[in-house]
N, C-alpha and C. Protein backbone atom coordinates (compact mmCIF):
# COMPACT_ATOMS: atom_id res chain seq x y z
N MET A 1 -37.46 -112.06 -0.17
CA MET A 1 -37.15 -110.55 -0.59
C MET A 1 -35.74 -109.92 -0.27
N THR A 2 -34.97 -109.46 -0.86
CA THR A 2 -33.65 -108.72 -0.44
C THR A 2 -33.34 -107.41 0.44
N LYS A 3 -32.26 -106.96 0.68
CA LYS A 3 -32.79 -106.07 0.97
C LYS A 3 -32.78 -104.54 -0.10
N LYS A 4 -31.92 -104.94 -1.19
CA LYS A 4 -31.61 -104.06 -1.93
C LYS A 4 -33.30 -104.14 -2.62
N GLU A 5 -33.96 -105.28 -2.87
CA GLU A 5 -36.02 -105.20 -3.37
C GLU A 5 -36.82 -104.35 -2.57
N ILE A 6 -36.77 -104.54 -1.28
CA ILE A 6 -37.24 -103.50 0.16
C ILE A 6 -37.06 -102.64 -0.61
N LEU A 7 -35.70 -102.04 -0.64
CA LEU A 7 -35.73 -100.34 -0.63
C LEU A 7 -36.05 -100.42 -1.95
N LYS A 8 -36.53 -100.99 -3.19
CA LYS A 8 -36.95 -100.26 -4.48
C LYS A 8 -38.46 -100.12 -4.18
N VAL A 9 -39.27 -101.43 -3.50
CA VAL A 9 -39.94 -101.03 -2.85
C VAL A 9 -40.63 -99.89 -2.36
N ILE A 10 -40.06 -99.84 -1.55
CA ILE A 10 -40.34 -98.12 -0.68
C ILE A 10 -39.87 -97.23 -1.57
N ILE A 11 -39.11 -96.98 -1.52
CA ILE A 11 -39.08 -95.43 -3.07
C ILE A 11 -39.78 -95.79 -3.25
N SER A 12 -40.29 -97.22 -3.99
CA SER A 12 -41.72 -96.81 -5.40
C SER A 12 -42.98 -96.47 -4.68
N VAL A 13 -43.07 -96.52 -3.74
CA VAL A 13 -44.76 -96.14 -3.21
C VAL A 13 -44.77 -95.36 -2.21
N LEU A 14 -43.28 -94.21 -2.26
CA LEU A 14 -43.01 -93.04 -1.77
C LEU A 14 -42.96 -91.78 -3.22
N ILE A 15 -42.71 -92.16 -4.00
CA ILE A 15 -42.60 -91.74 -5.57
C ILE A 15 -44.62 -91.72 -5.15
N ALA A 16 -45.02 -92.73 -5.68
CA ALA A 16 -46.12 -92.58 -5.93
C ALA A 16 -47.27 -91.85 -5.01
N ALA A 17 -46.99 -91.89 -3.87
CA ALA A 17 -47.54 -91.52 -2.99
C ALA A 17 -47.01 -89.45 -2.68
N LEU A 18 -45.60 -88.86 -3.33
CA LEU A 18 -45.77 -87.79 -3.53
C LEU A 18 -46.40 -87.19 -4.92
N THR A 19 -46.14 -87.33 -6.01
CA THR A 19 -47.08 -87.92 -7.18
C THR A 19 -47.87 -87.11 -7.07
N ALA A 20 -49.00 -88.40 -6.35
CA ALA A 20 -51.03 -88.30 -5.74
C ALA A 20 -50.53 -87.08 -5.13
N LEU A 21 -49.94 -87.19 -4.61
CA LEU A 21 -49.81 -85.51 -3.39
C LEU A 21 -49.30 -83.97 -3.73
N ALA A 22 -49.05 -84.13 -5.00
CA ALA A 22 -48.25 -83.12 -5.91
C ALA A 22 -50.01 -82.42 -7.10
N ALA A 23 -50.05 -83.79 -7.77
CA ALA A 23 -51.11 -83.13 -8.44
C ALA A 23 -52.52 -83.04 -7.87
N GLY A 24 -53.04 -83.42 -6.50
CA GLY A 24 -53.79 -83.11 -5.66
C GLY A 24 -54.22 -81.24 -5.30
N LEU A 25 -52.65 -80.86 -5.20
CA LEU A 25 -52.64 -79.25 -4.62
C LEU A 25 -53.00 -78.71 -6.17
N GLY A 26 -52.13 -79.73 -7.31
CA GLY A 26 -52.00 -78.95 -8.30
C GLY A 26 -53.16 -78.57 -8.45
N LEU A 27 -54.11 -79.09 -8.84
CA LEU A 27 -55.68 -79.66 -9.20
C LEU A 27 -56.47 -79.11 -8.64
N SER A 28 -55.91 -78.56 -8.26
CA SER A 28 -57.31 -78.12 -6.14
C SER A 28 -57.94 -76.97 -7.09
N SER A 29 -57.88 -76.10 -7.76
CA SER A 29 -58.70 -74.59 -8.09
C SER A 29 -58.57 -74.24 -9.81
N CYS A 30 -59.55 -73.92 -10.82
CA CYS A 30 -59.87 -73.59 -11.84
C CYS A 30 -60.26 -72.15 -12.54
N ASN A 31 -59.48 -71.50 -13.39
CA ASN A 31 -60.33 -70.23 -13.23
C ASN A 31 -61.03 -70.72 -15.12
N VAL A 32 -62.53 -70.30 -15.76
CA VAL A 32 -62.63 -70.59 -16.94
C VAL A 32 -62.91 -69.19 -17.28
N THR A 33 -62.66 -68.80 -18.58
CA THR A 33 -63.17 -67.17 -18.95
C THR A 33 -63.18 -67.44 -20.55
N ARG A 34 -64.97 -67.32 -20.48
CA ARG A 34 -65.92 -67.22 -22.05
C ARG A 34 -66.17 -65.68 -22.42
N THR A 35 -65.42 -66.22 -23.79
CA THR A 35 -66.10 -63.91 -24.10
C THR A 35 -66.80 -65.22 -25.46
N VAL A 36 -68.43 -64.51 -25.90
CA VAL A 36 -68.67 -64.48 -27.00
C VAL A 36 -69.20 -63.05 -27.21
N THR A 37 -68.96 -62.74 -28.64
CA THR A 37 -69.18 -61.32 -29.71
C THR A 37 -70.06 -61.65 -30.64
N THR A 38 -71.25 -60.70 -30.25
CA THR A 38 -72.07 -60.92 -31.56
C THR A 38 -71.76 -59.82 -32.15
N ARG A 39 -71.94 -58.95 -33.46
CA ARG A 39 -71.66 -58.33 -34.81
C ARG A 39 -72.54 -58.43 -35.29
N SER A 40 -73.29 -57.03 -36.26
CA SER A 40 -74.23 -57.14 -36.53
C SER A 40 -73.52 -56.09 -37.14
N GLU A 41 -73.64 -55.80 -39.07
CA GLU A 41 -73.90 -54.06 -40.04
C GLU A 41 -75.46 -54.41 -40.52
N ALA A 42 -75.44 -53.07 -40.62
CA ALA A 42 -76.25 -52.45 -41.41
C ALA A 42 -75.79 -51.15 -42.70
N TRP A 43 -76.32 -50.93 -43.35
CA TRP A 43 -75.32 -50.42 -44.48
C TRP A 43 -76.35 -49.07 -44.78
N GLN A 44 -76.57 -47.72 -44.16
CA GLN A 44 -77.62 -47.24 -44.89
C GLN A 44 -78.00 -45.99 -46.24
N LYS A 45 -78.24 -45.33 -46.08
CA LYS A 45 -78.49 -44.42 -47.26
C LYS A 45 -76.69 -43.53 -47.37
N GLY A 46 -76.20 -43.18 -48.33
CA GLY A 46 -75.35 -42.02 -47.88
C GLY A 46 -74.02 -43.10 -47.36
N ASP A 47 -73.02 -42.06 -46.30
CA ASP A 47 -71.59 -42.35 -45.66
C ASP A 47 -72.26 -43.04 -44.61
N THR A 48 -73.64 -42.78 -44.32
CA THR A 48 -73.93 -42.86 -42.90
C THR A 48 -73.57 -44.82 -42.75
N SER A 49 -73.84 -45.30 -41.68
CA SER A 49 -73.36 -46.72 -41.62
C SER A 49 -73.97 -46.94 -39.88
N VAL A 50 -74.41 -48.35 -39.24
CA VAL A 50 -74.57 -48.12 -38.03
C VAL A 50 -74.72 -49.57 -38.19
N VAL A 51 -73.31 -49.97 -36.99
CA VAL A 51 -72.77 -50.46 -36.30
C VAL A 51 -73.67 -51.87 -34.81
N ILE A 52 -73.94 -52.83 -34.67
CA ILE A 52 -74.19 -53.07 -33.24
C ILE A 52 -73.27 -53.93 -32.98
N GLN A 53 -72.84 -54.06 -32.05
CA GLN A 53 -72.28 -54.88 -31.39
C GLN A 53 -72.20 -55.84 -30.02
N THR A 54 -72.38 -57.01 -29.38
CA THR A 54 -72.77 -56.82 -27.91
C THR A 54 -71.83 -58.23 -27.98
N LYS A 55 -71.09 -57.88 -26.80
CA LYS A 55 -70.16 -58.93 -25.90
C LYS A 55 -70.63 -59.05 -24.84
N THR A 56 -70.47 -60.42 -24.68
CA THR A 56 -70.76 -61.28 -23.01
C THR A 56 -69.99 -62.23 -22.68
N VAL A 57 -69.13 -61.47 -21.58
CA VAL A 57 -68.06 -62.22 -20.89
C VAL A 57 -68.62 -62.82 -20.12
N GLU A 58 -68.63 -64.15 -19.21
CA GLU A 58 -68.47 -64.88 -18.22
C GLU A 58 -67.16 -65.51 -17.77
N SER A 59 -67.53 -65.69 -16.77
CA SER A 59 -66.16 -65.77 -15.56
C SER A 59 -66.69 -67.42 -14.86
N TYR A 60 -65.59 -67.88 -14.23
CA TYR A 60 -66.84 -69.03 -13.12
C TYR A 60 -64.34 -69.78 -12.14
N ASP A 61 -64.78 -69.31 -11.36
CA ASP A 61 -63.98 -69.24 -10.30
C ASP A 61 -64.25 -70.59 -9.92
N ALA A 62 -63.24 -71.43 -9.89
CA ALA A 62 -63.81 -72.94 -9.32
C ALA A 62 -62.64 -73.33 -7.68
N SER A 63 -62.80 -74.11 -6.46
CA SER A 63 -61.99 -74.10 -5.85
C SER A 63 -62.26 -75.43 -4.85
N LYS A 64 -61.13 -76.17 -4.84
CA LYS A 64 -61.48 -77.71 -4.39
C LYS A 64 -61.80 -77.37 -2.85
N LYS A 65 -62.55 -78.14 -2.56
CA LYS A 65 -62.32 -77.50 -0.85
C LYS A 65 -62.07 -79.23 0.09
N GLY A 66 -61.90 -78.28 1.08
CA GLY A 66 -61.51 -79.62 2.22
C GLY A 66 -60.26 -80.47 1.89
N LEU A 67 -59.08 -79.81 2.30
CA LEU A 67 -57.45 -80.31 1.72
C LEU A 67 -56.72 -81.18 2.53
């Protein structure tokens, strides 16, 4: 191998290692929020109406341990 080829291999390995490190740090945590809304309407006599609405919000936080 020539010096030029060895240098290309070393640079490729360094780029792969830095890419893996950046991916590991970038994917170390996540946050998920889910909202579920249920609505029910029941009309009554005259101008009186009833609306029942429920809303559930769930949140999940996760982080990668042991960097």
